[in-house]
Amino acid sequence: QVQLVESGGGLVQAGGSLRLSCAASGIIFKLYAMGWYRQAPGKQRALVASISSVGSPNYADSVKGRFTISRDNAKNTLYLQMNSLKPEDTAVYYCAGRLGRSDYWGQGTQVTVSS
């Protein structure tokens, strides 16, 4: 049974920081490309950052220089360090893993940034 469980969301003031974690089980984590997506109310889910199985990161333009994606294959965990948060970063953040045709999603964690 595959599980991706996000944690670390919450309420933070603009300019603050949060670190999201995604604990994976039921998959060979080190083989999977992983990503963080977010969905704000009334908007489509969008890619925030992704990281390949070998650790190459990719970021949406809106978060470049503020967010850092990383992975710890020994702990089967994906991270998203979010700094200089803005109210427009408010959304539900989802962890996702992909390998070939296998595609798994977590349940999401709410991030709210107050102005």
N, C-alpha and C. Protein backbone atom coordinates (compact mmCIF):
# COMPACT_ATOMS: atom_id res chain seq x y z
N GLN A 1 0.85 -1.19 0.00
CA GLN A 1 0.00 0.00 0.00
C GLN A 1 0.89 1.24 0.00
N VAL A 2 0.70 2.06 -1.02
CA VAL A 2 1.51 3.26 -1.15
C VAL A 2 0.89 4.39 -0.33
N GLN A 3 1.73 5.08 0.42
CA GLN A 3 1.28 6.25 1.17
C GLN A 3 2.29 7.38 1.03
N LEU A 4 1.77 8.56 0.75
CA LEU A 4 2.54 9.79 0.79
C LEU A 4 1.84 10.69 1.81
N VAL A 5 2.53 11.01 2.89
CA VAL A 5 1.90 11.75 3.98
C VAL A 5 2.64 13.06 4.19
N GLU A 6 1.94 14.17 3.89
CA GLU A 6 2.53 15.50 4.06
C GLU A 6 2.35 16.00 5.49
N SER A 7 3.27 16.82 5.90
CA SER A 7 3.16 17.49 7.20
C SER A 7 3.93 18.80 7.13
N GLY A 8 3.70 19.65 8.12
CA GLY A 8 4.45 20.90 8.22
C GLY A 8 3.71 22.14 7.78
N GLY A 9 2.50 21.98 7.29
CA GLY A 9 1.73 23.15 6.90
C GLY A 9 1.26 23.92 8.12
N GLY A 10 0.68 25.08 7.89
CA GLY A 10 0.17 25.88 8.98
C GLY A 10 -0.05 27.32 8.58
N LEU A 11 -0.22 28.16 9.59
CA LEU A 11 -0.46 29.59 9.40
C LEU A 11 0.83 30.34 9.72
N VAL A 12 1.24 31.21 8.81
CA VAL A 12 2.46 31.97 9.00
C VAL A 12 2.26 33.38 8.46
N GLN A 13 2.95 34.34 9.02
CA GLN A 13 2.87 35.71 8.52
C GLN A 13 3.73 35.86 7.26
N ALA A 14 3.36 36.82 6.46
CA ALA A 14 4.15 37.12 5.27
C ALA A 14 5.60 37.40 5.67
N GLY A 15 6.51 36.83 4.87
CA GLY A 15 7.93 36.96 5.18
C GLY A 15 8.48 35.82 6.00
N GLY A 16 7.59 35.00 6.52
CA GLY A 16 8.01 33.88 7.35
C GLY A 16 8.40 32.66 6.54
N SER A 17 8.67 31.58 7.27
CA SER A 17 9.14 30.34 6.65
C SER A 17 8.37 29.14 7.18
N LEU A 18 8.30 28.13 6.35
CA LEU A 18 7.76 26.83 6.73
C LEU A 18 8.56 25.75 6.01
N ARG A 19 8.62 24.58 6.61
CA ARG A 19 9.21 23.45 5.91
C ARG A 19 8.20 22.32 5.85
N LEU A 20 7.85 21.94 4.65
CA LEU A 20 6.95 20.82 4.45
C LEU A 20 7.76 19.53 4.32
N SER A 21 7.16 18.45 4.81
CA SER A 21 7.75 17.12 4.67
C SER A 21 6.73 16.19 4.04
N CYS A 22 7.23 15.21 3.33
CA CYS A 22 6.38 14.17 2.74
C CYS A 22 7.05 12.84 2.98
N ALA A 23 6.45 12.04 3.84
CA ALA A 23 6.97 10.72 4.15
C ALA A 23 6.34 9.69 3.24
N ALA A 24 7.18 8.94 2.54
CA ALA A 24 6.70 7.96 1.58
C ALA A 24 6.88 6.55 2.11
N SER A 25 5.92 5.70 1.81
CA SER A 25 6.02 4.28 2.14
C SER A 25 5.34 3.48 1.04
N GLY A 26 5.78 2.22 0.90
CA GLY A 26 5.17 1.36 -0.10
C GLY A 26 5.75 1.52 -1.49
N ILE A 27 6.75 2.37 -1.65
CA ILE A 27 7.43 2.54 -2.94
C ILE A 27 8.93 2.51 -2.72
N ILE A 28 9.67 2.23 -3.79
CA ILE A 28 11.12 2.35 -3.73
C ILE A 28 11.43 3.82 -4.00
N PHE A 29 11.44 4.57 -2.93
CA PHE A 29 11.45 6.04 -3.00
C PHE A 29 12.56 6.57 -3.88
N LYS A 30 13.75 6.00 -3.78
CA LYS A 30 14.91 6.56 -4.48
C LYS A 30 14.75 6.49 -6.00
N LEU A 31 13.85 5.67 -6.49
CA LEU A 31 13.64 5.55 -7.93
C LEU A 31 12.65 6.57 -8.49
N TYR A 32 11.90 7.20 -7.60
CA TYR A 32 10.80 8.06 -8.02
C TYR A 32 11.23 9.51 -8.19
N ALA A 33 10.76 10.13 -9.26
CA ALA A 33 10.76 11.58 -9.34
C ALA A 33 9.67 12.09 -8.42
N MET A 34 9.98 13.13 -7.67
CA MET A 34 9.03 13.64 -6.68
C MET A 34 8.74 15.11 -6.93
N GLY A 35 7.59 15.54 -6.47
CA GLY A 35 7.25 16.94 -6.67
C GLY A 35 6.29 17.47 -5.62
N TRP A 36 6.27 18.78 -5.52
CA TRP A 36 5.29 19.50 -4.71
C TRP A 36 4.40 20.29 -5.65
N TYR A 37 3.11 20.17 -5.44
CA TYR A 37 2.11 20.92 -6.18
C TYR A 37 1.29 21.71 -5.17
N ARG A 38 0.59 22.71 -5.67
CA ARG A 38 -0.31 23.45 -4.79
C ARG A 38 -1.58 23.83 -5.54
N GLN A 39 -2.63 23.96 -4.75
CA GLN A 39 -3.92 24.36 -5.32
C GLN A 39 -4.55 25.39 -4.41
N ALA A 40 -4.71 26.58 -4.95
CA ALA A 40 -5.38 27.66 -4.23
C ALA A 40 -6.88 27.61 -4.55
N PRO A 41 -7.71 28.18 -3.70
CA PRO A 41 -9.16 28.18 -3.95
C PRO A 41 -9.50 28.78 -5.31
N GLY A 42 -10.28 28.04 -6.08
CA GLY A 42 -10.71 28.53 -7.38
C GLY A 42 -9.66 28.42 -8.47
N LYS A 43 -8.53 27.81 -8.16
CA LYS A 43 -7.47 27.69 -9.16
C LYS A 43 -7.12 26.23 -9.39
N GLN A 44 -6.46 25.98 -10.51
CA GLN A 44 -6.03 24.62 -10.81
C GLN A 44 -4.78 24.27 -10.02
N ARG A 45 -4.61 22.97 -9.80
CA ARG A 45 -3.39 22.50 -9.15
C ARG A 45 -2.20 22.79 -10.07
N ALA A 46 -1.12 23.28 -9.47
CA ALA A 46 0.05 23.68 -10.26
C ALA A 46 1.32 23.18 -9.61
N LEU A 47 2.30 22.90 -10.45
CA LEU A 47 3.59 22.45 -9.97
C LEU A 47 4.32 23.59 -9.26
N VAL A 48 4.85 23.29 -8.09
CA VAL A 48 5.67 24.25 -7.35
C VAL A 48 7.15 23.95 -7.57
N ALA A 49 7.50 22.69 -7.36
CA ALA A 49 8.89 22.28 -7.51
C ALA A 49 8.92 20.78 -7.70
N SER A 50 9.94 20.30 -8.40
CA SER A 50 10.11 18.87 -8.58
C SER A 50 11.59 18.53 -8.43
N ILE A 51 11.83 17.26 -8.18
CA ILE A 51 13.21 16.80 -8.03
C ILE A 51 13.30 15.41 -8.63
N SER A 52 14.30 15.20 -9.45
CA SER A 52 14.43 13.91 -10.11
C SER A 52 14.97 12.86 -9.14
N SER A 53 15.00 11.63 -9.60
CA SER A 53 15.51 10.55 -8.75
C SER A 53 16.98 10.76 -8.40
N VAL A 54 17.68 11.51 -9.23
CA VAL A 54 19.11 11.75 -8.96
C VAL A 54 19.34 13.12 -8.33
N GLY A 55 18.24 13.80 -7.97
CA GLY A 55 18.37 15.01 -7.19
C GLY A 55 18.39 16.32 -7.94
N SER A 56 18.05 16.32 -9.22
CA SER A 56 18.02 17.57 -9.98
C SER A 56 16.71 18.31 -9.72
N PRO A 57 16.78 19.55 -9.23
CA PRO A 57 15.55 20.28 -8.91
C PRO A 57 15.05 21.14 -10.07
N ASN A 58 13.77 21.44 -9.97
CA ASN A 58 13.14 22.32 -10.94
C ASN A 58 12.08 23.12 -10.19
N TYR A 59 11.96 24.43 -10.52
CA TYR A 59 11.06 25.29 -9.76
C TYR A 59 10.16 26.09 -10.68
N ALA A 60 8.96 26.34 -10.19
CA ALA A 60 8.10 27.31 -10.86
C ALA A 60 8.73 28.69 -10.70
N ASP A 61 8.54 29.54 -11.70
CA ASP A 61 9.14 30.87 -11.65
C ASP A 61 8.72 31.64 -10.40
N SER A 62 7.49 31.42 -9.96
CA SER A 62 6.95 32.18 -8.84
C SER A 62 7.63 31.89 -7.51
N VAL A 63 8.36 30.77 -7.43
CA VAL A 63 8.98 30.40 -6.15
C VAL A 63 10.51 30.34 -6.22
N LYS A 64 11.06 30.56 -7.41
CA LYS A 64 12.52 30.51 -7.55
C LYS A 64 13.19 31.51 -6.62
N GLY A 65 14.22 31.03 -5.92
CA GLY A 65 14.94 31.89 -5.00
C GLY A 65 14.33 31.95 -3.61
N ARG A 66 13.13 31.41 -3.46
CA ARG A 66 12.46 31.42 -2.14
C ARG A 66 12.25 30.02 -1.59
N PHE A 67 11.97 29.07 -2.48
CA PHE A 67 11.68 27.70 -2.05
C PHE A 67 12.84 26.79 -2.46
N THR A 68 13.06 25.76 -1.65
CA THR A 68 14.07 24.75 -1.96
C THR A 68 13.49 23.37 -1.76
N ILE A 69 13.56 22.55 -2.79
CA ILE A 69 13.10 21.18 -2.71
C ILE A 69 14.31 20.28 -2.46
N SER A 70 14.12 19.27 -1.63
CA SER A 70 15.21 18.33 -1.37
C SER A 70 14.61 16.97 -1.01
N ARG A 71 15.45 15.97 -1.03
CA ARG A 71 14.99 14.63 -0.69
C ARG A 71 16.06 13.92 0.13
N ASP A 72 15.60 13.05 1.02
CA ASP A 72 16.48 12.19 1.80
C ASP A 72 16.06 10.76 1.50
N ASN A 73 16.78 10.12 0.61
CA ASN A 73 16.40 8.77 0.20
C ASN A 73 16.55 7.75 1.33
N ALA A 74 17.44 8.01 2.26
CA ALA A 74 17.61 7.10 3.40
C ALA A 74 16.39 7.14 4.32
N LYS A 75 15.70 8.30 4.34
CA LYS A 75 14.52 8.45 5.19
C LYS A 75 13.22 8.38 4.40
N ASN A 76 13.33 8.14 3.08
CA ASN A 76 12.13 8.09 2.23
C ASN A 76 11.27 9.35 2.40
N THR A 77 11.92 10.49 2.44
CA THR A 77 11.23 11.74 2.73
C THR A 77 11.61 12.83 1.76
N LEU A 78 10.59 13.57 1.35
CA LEU A 78 10.73 14.73 0.48
C LEU A 78 10.47 15.98 1.31
N TYR A 79 11.20 17.05 1.00
CA TYR A 79 11.05 18.29 1.75
C TYR A 79 10.80 19.47 0.81
N LEU A 80 10.18 20.50 1.38
CA LEU A 80 10.08 21.77 0.68
C LEU A 80 10.30 22.87 1.72
N GLN A 81 11.43 23.52 1.63
CA GLN A 81 11.72 24.66 2.49
C GLN A 81 11.20 25.91 1.82
N MET A 82 10.31 26.60 2.51
CA MET A 82 9.66 27.77 1.94
C MET A 82 10.04 28.99 2.77
N ASN A 83 10.72 29.91 2.15
CA ASN A 83 11.15 31.15 2.81
C ASN A 83 10.48 32.35 2.14
N SER A 84 10.51 33.47 2.83
CA SER A 84 9.95 34.72 2.29
C SER A 84 8.54 34.49 1.75
N LEU A 85 7.74 33.84 2.55
CA LEU A 85 6.38 33.48 2.10
C LEU A 85 5.54 34.72 1.86
N LYS A 86 4.66 34.60 0.87
CA LYS A 86 3.77 35.68 0.47
C LYS A 86 2.33 35.21 0.59
N PRO A 87 1.39 36.12 0.75
CA PRO A 87 -0.01 35.72 0.82
C PRO A 87 -0.44 34.88 -0.40
N GLU A 88 0.13 35.15 -1.55
CA GLU A 88 -0.24 34.39 -2.75
C GLU A 88 0.30 32.96 -2.73
N ASP A 89 1.11 32.61 -1.75
CA ASP A 89 1.54 31.22 -1.58
C ASP A 89 0.51 30.39 -0.84
N THR A 90 -0.54 31.02 -0.36
CA THR A 90 -1.60 30.31 0.35
C THR A 90 -2.26 29.28 -0.57
N ALA A 91 -2.28 28.03 -0.11
CA ALA A 91 -2.83 26.95 -0.92
C ALA A 91 -2.75 25.65 -0.13
N VAL A 92 -3.37 24.63 -0.67
CA VAL A 92 -3.13 23.27 -0.19
C VAL A 92 -1.94 22.72 -0.99
N TYR A 93 -0.96 22.22 -0.29
CA TYR A 93 0.25 21.71 -0.92
C TYR A 93 0.21 20.19 -0.92
N TYR A 94 0.48 19.62 -2.10
CA TYR A 94 0.43 18.18 -2.28
C TYR A 94 1.80 17.65 -2.68
N CYS A 95 2.11 16.51 -2.15
CA CYS A 95 3.31 15.76 -2.53
C CYS A 95 2.91 14.74 -3.59
N ALA A 96 3.76 14.53 -4.57
CA ALA A 96 3.47 13.55 -5.61
C ALA A 96 4.74 12.81 -6.00
N GLY A 97 4.56 11.55 -6.37
CA GLY A 97 5.67 10.74 -6.82
C GLY A 97 5.32 10.05 -8.13
N ARG A 98 6.31 9.98 -9.02
CA ARG A 98 6.04 9.41 -10.34
C ARG A 98 7.22 8.54 -10.78
N LEU A 99 6.86 7.35 -11.29
CA LEU A 99 7.83 6.45 -11.91
C LEU A 99 7.12 5.73 -13.03
N GLY A 100 7.49 6.04 -14.25
CA GLY A 100 6.81 5.44 -15.39
C GLY A 100 5.33 5.79 -15.37
N ARG A 101 4.49 4.77 -15.37
CA ARG A 101 3.04 5.00 -15.34
C ARG A 101 2.48 5.06 -13.92
N SER A 102 3.32 4.85 -12.95
CA SER A 102 2.88 4.91 -11.55
C SER A 102 2.92 6.35 -11.07
N ASP A 103 1.80 6.78 -10.49
CA ASP A 103 1.62 8.18 -10.12
C ASP A 103 0.87 8.21 -8.79
N TYR A 104 1.50 8.74 -7.75
CA TYR A 104 0.89 8.72 -6.43
C TYR A 104 0.85 10.13 -5.84
N TRP A 105 -0.19 10.37 -5.04
CA TRP A 105 -0.41 11.68 -4.44
C TRP A 105 -0.69 11.56 -2.95
N GLY A 106 -0.26 12.57 -2.21
CA GLY A 106 -0.63 12.67 -0.82
C GLY A 106 -1.97 13.36 -0.66
N GLN A 107 -2.39 13.52 0.59
CA GLN A 107 -3.71 14.08 0.87
C GLN A 107 -3.68 15.61 0.95
N GLY A 108 -2.49 16.18 1.03
CA GLY A 108 -2.36 17.62 1.06
C GLY A 108 -2.21 18.19 2.45
N THR A 109 -1.56 19.34 2.52
CA THR A 109 -1.42 20.07 3.78
C THR A 109 -1.65 21.55 3.49
N GLN A 110 -2.41 22.19 4.36
CA GLN A 110 -2.77 23.59 4.13
C GLN A 110 -1.65 24.53 4.57
N VAL A 111 -1.34 25.46 3.71
CA VAL A 111 -0.42 26.55 4.04
C VAL A 111 -1.18 27.85 3.87
N THR A 112 -1.21 28.63 4.92
CA THR A 112 -1.89 29.92 4.89
C THR A 112 -0.91 31.01 5.30
N VAL A 113 -0.76 32.01 4.44
CA VAL A 113 0.15 33.11 4.69
C VAL A 113 -0.67 34.38 4.87
N SER A 114 -0.57 34.94 6.04
CA SER A 114 -1.34 36.16 6.34
C SER A 114 -0.51 37.40 6.01
N SER A 115 -1.21 38.44 5.60
CA SER A 115 -0.52 39.69 5.23
C SER A 115 -0.38 40.63 6.41
